[in-house]
Amino acid sequence: MAADQGVTRTGATLPTSSISLRRRISLALLLVPPMAWLVVAYLGSLAVLLVSAFWTTSAFTGAVVHTFTTENIERVLTDEVFRVATLRTVSVALVVTVICAVLAVPLAFYMAKVASPRVRLALVVAVTTPLWASYLVKAYAWRMLLSPEGPLARTTGYTPGYGLTATIVTLAYLWLPYMVIPVFAAFERVPDALIDASSDLGASDMSTVRMVIAPLVFPGIAAGSIFTFSLSLGDYIAVTIVGGKTQMLGNIIYGQLVTANNQPLAAALSIIPLVAIVAYLLAMRRTGALENV
């Protein structure tokens, strides 16, 4: 009987089943508010987005008309401008992700396995400090740096100017911390004894990196890539500031919503990055990386 009972704060005994029920009720009460917020604010807004993509606008007043039509979806799928912008946006997001990974891996490795505790702390602070700075300040700082009359042009005699290259460089700078932190955490979880054992067994440095370190660190790279890819995919402010005439999906969606006052078309265009990030998540899941994050 004692195994099936529990003692309350007042000294009374309760059956274990009652205690388990109370714990489940307490857990449910804790989870209801965030789950309700997720359903109402996030999933609800996505549902409204998908529904509004099938509405239209009045040719006379510009007001949204709640009449079902597939015209916006058909236009998104067939318009050459939208197709080119989609390919450009996805390509930029992938390039930014690759650049961030290439820069983050050696830096994170040094932070986790080589640097002293004091240097490691200083590097962590240096990596995370830009996250506290204003997004607009950082974007305009790169606009000044890449200007034809800016410091880069005066010191080196070369600047890419405003355009696609400036967009990629700026986005890579903005989102690099989101790649460094998970990769750094992944390197920290790699036991030093495992690396030493690989060396003792005769494996070369490259073999150790390829067969021991890379499989353990890849989940961190995958987690960081989700941030860099999705953030680059939906960005339009930095593109407006340093992109020159470069048009990406975010700019077009913003233009349709604010300038053209065509909310249904903007909603239909917003489905493209949504589908792209879902496809990216599924691709990362197929690699098995997300299961080990």
Protein backbone atom coordinates (compact mmCIF):
# COMPACT_ATOMS: atom_id res chain seq x y z
CA MET A 1 0.00 0.00 0.00
CA ALA A 2 2.84 2.40 0.81
CA ALA A 3 4.11 2.21 -2.75
CA ASP A 4 0.74 3.30 -4.08
CA GLN A 5 0.42 6.35 -1.80
CA GLY A 6 2.02 9.75 -1.53
CA VAL A 7 2.31 12.22 1.35
CA THR A 8 0.89 15.73 0.96
CA ARG A 9 2.23 18.85 2.69
CA THR A 10 -0.30 18.39 5.51
CA GLY A 11 0.87 14.85 6.16
CA ALA A 12 -2.13 13.13 4.57
CA THR A 13 -1.61 10.34 2.12
CA LEU A 14 -2.96 10.33 -1.45
CA PRO A 15 -3.00 7.53 -3.97
CA THR A 16 -0.24 7.67 -6.55
CA SER A 17 -2.87 7.89 -9.30
CA SER A 18 -4.24 11.08 -7.74
CA ILE A 19 -0.77 12.62 -7.58
CA SER A 20 -0.15 11.68 -11.20
CA LEU A 21 -3.47 13.24 -12.22
CA ARG A 22 -2.65 16.46 -10.38
CA ARG A 23 0.73 16.62 -12.11
CA ARG A 24 -0.88 16.16 -15.52
CA ILE A 25 -3.40 18.89 -14.75
CA SER A 26 -0.61 21.24 -13.62
CA LEU A 27 1.38 20.48 -16.77
CA ALA A 28 -1.70 21.09 -18.92
CA LEU A 29 -2.31 24.45 -17.23
CA LEU A 30 1.30 25.43 -17.94
CA LEU A 31 1.10 24.41 -21.60
CA VAL A 32 -2.33 25.83 -22.45
CA PRO A 33 -1.32 29.55 -22.63
CA PRO A 34 1.71 29.12 -24.96
CA MET A 35 -0.12 26.53 -27.10
CA ALA A 36 -3.16 28.79 -27.35
CA TRP A 37 -0.89 31.67 -28.37
CA LEU A 38 0.76 29.47 -30.99
CA VAL A 39 -2.56 28.36 -32.45
CA VAL A 40 -4.26 31.76 -32.42
CA ALA A 41 -1.40 34.13 -33.22
CA TYR A 42 0.84 32.01 -35.44
CA LEU A 43 -1.24 29.31 -37.08
CA GLY A 44 -4.24 31.62 -37.18
CA SER A 45 -2.32 34.33 -39.00
CA LEU A 46 -0.99 31.76 -41.49
CA ALA A 47 -4.54 30.56 -42.11
CA VAL A 48 -5.69 34.13 -42.77
CA LEU A 49 -2.73 34.59 -45.11
CA LEU A 50 -3.61 31.48 -47.13
CA VAL A 51 -7.28 32.42 -47.31
CA SER A 52 -6.63 36.05 -48.33
CA ALA A 53 -4.45 34.85 -51.23
CA PHE A 54 -7.69 33.72 -52.90
CA TRP A 55 -9.40 37.09 -52.57
CA THR A 56 -9.28 39.96 -55.04
CA THR A 57 -9.31 43.76 -55.02
CA SER A 58 -11.77 46.22 -56.46
CA ALA A 59 -10.53 47.91 -59.62
CA PHE A 60 -12.26 51.14 -58.61
CA THR A 61 -11.67 51.51 -54.86
CA GLY A 62 -8.72 49.16 -54.31
CA ALA A 63 -10.56 47.59 -51.39
CA VAL A 64 -10.24 43.87 -50.74
CA VAL A 65 -13.19 41.91 -52.10
CA HIS A 66 -13.90 38.59 -50.37
CA THR A 67 -14.62 36.76 -53.58
CA PHE A 68 -12.90 33.46 -54.23
CA THR A 69 -10.50 33.49 -57.18
CA THR A 70 -7.31 31.68 -58.17
CA GLU A 71 -6.06 34.62 -60.25
CA ASN A 72 -3.38 35.62 -57.73
CA ILE A 73 -1.98 32.10 -57.45
CA GLU A 74 -1.94 31.71 -61.23
CA ARG A 75 -0.17 35.03 -61.64
CA VAL A 76 2.46 34.10 -59.06
CA LEU A 77 3.14 30.81 -60.84
CA THR A 78 3.23 32.18 -64.38
CA ASP A 79 4.62 35.72 -64.14
CA GLU A 80 8.25 35.80 -65.28
CA VAL A 81 9.14 38.64 -62.91
CA PHE A 82 8.00 36.66 -59.89
CA ARG A 83 9.77 33.52 -61.10
CA VAL A 84 13.08 35.34 -61.52
CA ALA A 85 12.72 37.04 -58.14
CA THR A 86 12.00 33.68 -56.50
CA LEU A 87 15.11 32.06 -57.99
CA ARG A 88 17.22 35.08 -57.04
CA THR A 89 15.88 35.10 -53.47
CA VAL A 90 16.41 31.38 -52.87
CA SER A 91 19.88 31.57 -54.43
CA VAL A 92 20.88 34.52 -52.24
CA ALA A 93 19.59 32.73 -49.13
CA LEU A 94 21.60 29.60 -50.00
CA VAL A 95 24.77 31.59 -50.75
CA VAL A 96 24.45 33.53 -47.49
CA THR A 97 23.97 30.25 -45.61
CA VAL A 98 27.08 28.72 -47.19
CA ILE A 99 29.17 31.83 -46.46
CA CYS A 100 28.03 31.89 -42.84
CA ALA A 101 28.84 28.17 -42.45
CA VAL A 102 32.31 28.58 -43.98
CA LEU A 103 33.08 31.47 -41.63
CA ALA A 104 31.43 29.98 -38.56
CA VAL A 105 32.99 26.50 -38.53
CA PRO A 106 36.67 27.49 -38.05
CA LEU A 107 35.74 30.33 -35.70
CA ALA A 108 33.52 28.09 -33.58
CA PHE A 109 36.16 25.36 -33.54
CA TYR A 110 38.78 27.81 -32.28
CA MET A 111 36.40 29.16 -29.65
CA ALA A 112 35.43 25.71 -28.36
CA LYS A 113 38.65 23.69 -28.63
CA VAL A 114 41.67 26.00 -28.92
CA ALA A 115 41.06 29.33 -27.19
CA SER A 116 41.71 29.80 -23.49
CA PRO A 117 38.67 30.42 -21.26
CA ARG A 118 39.35 34.16 -21.21
CA VAL A 119 39.76 34.40 -25.00
CA ARG A 120 36.72 32.18 -25.48
CA LEU A 121 34.61 34.52 -23.38
CA ALA A 122 35.90 37.53 -25.30
CA LEU A 123 35.05 35.87 -28.62
CA VAL A 124 31.56 34.90 -27.45
CA VAL A 125 30.97 38.51 -26.43
CA ALA A 126 32.35 39.75 -29.76
CA VAL A 127 30.07 37.40 -31.71
CA THR A 128 26.91 38.20 -29.76
CA THR A 129 27.41 41.94 -29.25
CA PRO A 130 26.26 42.87 -32.81
CA LEU A 131 22.90 41.28 -31.98
CA TRP A 132 22.33 44.10 -29.50
CA ALA A 133 22.91 46.77 -32.13
CA SER A 134 20.09 48.19 -34.20
CA TYR A 135 19.37 46.31 -37.42
CA LEU A 136 19.05 49.56 -39.35
CA VAL A 137 22.30 50.94 -37.94
CA LYS A 138 24.19 47.85 -39.13
CA ALA A 139 22.57 47.92 -42.56
CA TYR A 140 23.29 51.63 -43.07
CA ALA A 141 26.84 51.12 -41.82
CA TRP A 142 27.38 48.67 -44.68
CA ARG A 143 25.76 51.13 -47.08
CA MET A 144 28.31 53.75 -46.07
CA LEU A 145 31.17 51.23 -46.21
CA LEU A 146 30.22 50.04 -49.72
CA SER A 147 29.53 53.51 -51.06
CA PRO A 148 31.63 54.60 -54.07
CA GLU A 149 32.91 57.40 -51.83
CA GLY A 150 33.15 55.21 -48.74
CA PRO A 151 36.13 53.91 -46.74
CA LEU A 152 36.45 50.71 -48.76
CA ALA A 153 36.77 52.56 -52.06
CA ARG A 154 39.24 55.07 -50.59
CA THR A 155 41.53 52.46 -49.02
CA THR A 156 41.45 49.71 -51.65
CA GLY A 157 40.28 51.53 -54.75
CA TYR A 158 37.47 48.97 -55.17
CA THR A 159 33.93 48.58 -53.95
CA PRO A 160 31.17 46.31 -55.24
CA GLY A 161 28.75 49.21 -54.92
CA TYR A 162 25.07 48.60 -54.34
CA GLY A 163 23.58 45.46 -55.81
CA LEU A 164 23.46 41.71 -55.44
CA THR A 165 27.01 41.37 -54.05
CA ALA A 166 26.39 44.06 -51.44
CA THR A 167 23.14 42.32 -50.48
CA ILE A 168 24.88 38.97 -49.95
CA VAL A 169 27.74 40.51 -47.95
CA THR A 170 25.39 42.50 -45.73
CA LEU A 171 23.05 39.60 -45.06
CA ALA A 172 25.99 37.29 -44.29
CA TYR A 173 27.25 39.83 -41.75
CA LEU A 174 23.81 40.29 -40.19
CA TRP A 175 23.06 36.58 -39.73
CA LEU A 176 26.55 35.21 -38.99
CA PRO A 177 26.00 35.12 -35.18
CA TYR A 178 22.97 32.88 -35.70
CA MET A 179 25.30 30.34 -37.31
CA VAL A 180 28.27 30.72 -34.97
CA ILE A 181 26.38 30.11 -31.73
CA PRO A 182 24.81 26.70 -32.57
CA VAL A 183 28.03 25.51 -34.25
CA PHE A 184 30.03 26.61 -31.21
CA ALA A 185 27.62 24.70 -28.96
CA ALA A 186 27.98 21.63 -31.18
CA PHE A 187 31.79 21.76 -30.97
CA GLU A 188 31.60 22.09 -27.20
CA ARG A 189 29.60 18.84 -27.04
CA VAL A 190 32.35 16.93 -28.88
CA PRO A 191 34.45 15.17 -26.18
CA ASP A 192 38.15 15.93 -26.36
CA ALA A 193 38.83 12.30 -25.48
CA LEU A 194 37.11 11.23 -28.69
CA ILE A 195 39.45 13.39 -30.77
CA ASP A 196 42.48 12.10 -28.85
CA ALA A 197 41.34 8.52 -29.33
CA SER A 198 41.03 9.03 -33.06
CA SER A 199 44.57 10.41 -33.18
CA ASP A 200 45.92 7.56 -31.02
CA LEU A 201 44.37 5.02 -33.41
CA GLY A 202 46.38 6.50 -36.28
CA ALA A 203 43.79 8.69 -37.99
CA SER A 204 45.08 11.79 -39.70
CA ASP A 205 43.74 15.23 -38.85
CA MET A 206 41.55 15.29 -41.96
CA SER A 207 40.25 11.79 -41.23
CA THR A 208 39.38 12.82 -37.69
CA VAL A 209 37.56 15.88 -38.96
CA ARG A 210 35.70 13.93 -41.64
CA MET A 211 34.74 10.80 -39.69
CA VAL A 212 34.57 11.97 -36.08
CA ILE A 213 34.01 15.71 -35.76
CA ALA A 214 31.88 16.44 -38.84
CA PRO A 215 29.03 13.99 -38.02
CA LEU A 216 28.82 15.37 -34.48
CA VAL A 217 28.92 19.02 -35.53
CA PHE A 218 26.64 18.78 -38.56
CA PRO A 219 23.42 19.07 -36.47
CA GLY A 220 24.66 22.43 -35.19
CA ILE A 221 25.41 23.58 -38.73
CA ALA A 222 21.95 22.43 -39.82
CA ALA A 223 20.33 24.33 -36.94
CA GLY A 224 22.27 27.48 -37.79
CA SER A 225 21.48 27.15 -41.48
CA ILE A 226 17.76 27.16 -40.72
CA PHE A 227 18.17 30.58 -39.12
CA THR A 228 20.37 32.06 -41.85
CA PHE A 229 18.29 30.63 -44.69
CA SER A 230 14.90 31.69 -43.34
CA LEU A 231 16.07 35.15 -42.25
CA SER A 232 17.71 35.82 -45.63
CA LEU A 233 14.67 34.50 -47.45
CA GLY A 234 12.32 36.99 -45.85
CA ASP A 235 14.56 40.04 -45.57
CA TYR A 236 13.67 43.15 -47.53
CA ILE A 237 15.02 46.04 -45.45
CA ALA A 238 18.72 45.36 -46.03
CA VAL A 239 17.99 44.66 -49.69
CA THR A 240 16.31 48.05 -49.96
CA ILE A 241 19.26 49.78 -48.28
CA VAL A 242 22.22 48.17 -50.08
CA GLY A 243 20.64 46.23 -52.94
CA GLY A 244 20.39 49.07 -55.42
CA LYS A 245 17.96 47.91 -58.12
CA THR A 246 18.10 44.30 -56.94
CA GLN A 247 14.61 42.95 -56.37
CA MET A 248 13.92 40.04 -54.04
CA LEU A 249 10.64 38.54 -52.93
CA GLY A 250 10.53 40.60 -49.75
CA ASN A 251 10.75 43.85 -51.72
CA ILE A 252 8.06 42.76 -54.16
CA ILE A 253 5.72 41.65 -51.37
CA TYR A 254 6.25 44.94 -49.55
CA GLY A 255 5.64 46.87 -52.76
CA GLN A 256 2.43 45.02 -53.49
CA LEU A 257 1.21 45.58 -49.95
CA VAL A 258 2.17 49.25 -49.49
CA THR A 259 2.63 50.80 -52.92
CA ALA A 260 0.21 48.85 -55.10
CA ASN A 261 -2.26 48.27 -52.24
CA ASN A 262 -2.85 44.71 -53.45
CA GLN A 263 -3.04 42.65 -50.26
CA PRO A 264 -4.30 39.41 -51.90
CA LEU A 265 -1.39 39.34 -54.36
CA ALA A 266 1.06 40.08 -51.55
CA ALA A 267 -0.45 37.16 -49.61
CA ALA A 268 -0.09 34.87 -52.63
CA LEU A 269 3.56 35.90 -53.01
CA SER A 270 4.15 35.28 -49.30
CA ILE A 271 3.29 31.62 -49.82
CA ILE A 272 6.51 31.18 -51.85
CA PRO A 273 8.98 31.79 -48.97
CA LEU A 274 6.69 29.80 -46.69
CA VAL A 275 6.86 26.81 -49.02
CA ALA A 276 10.62 27.30 -49.47
CA ILE A 277 11.37 27.20 -45.74
CA VAL A 278 9.10 24.18 -45.22
CA ALA A 279 10.93 22.39 -48.05
CA TYR A 280 14.27 23.34 -46.47
CA LEU A 281 13.16 22.01 -43.09
CA LEU A 282 12.05 18.75 -44.69
CA ALA A 283 15.41 18.47 -46.46
CA MET A 284 17.26 19.00 -43.16
CA ARG A 285 15.02 16.43 -41.51
CA ARG A 286 15.82 13.84 -44.17
CA THR A 287 19.50 14.21 -43.34
CA GLY A 288 18.71 13.27 -39.74
CA ALA A 289 20.42 16.39 -38.42
CA LEU A 290 17.38 17.82 -36.67
CA GLU A 291 16.90 14.66 -34.63
CA ASN A 292 20.25 15.25 -32.90
CA VAL A 293 20.03 18.99 -32.29
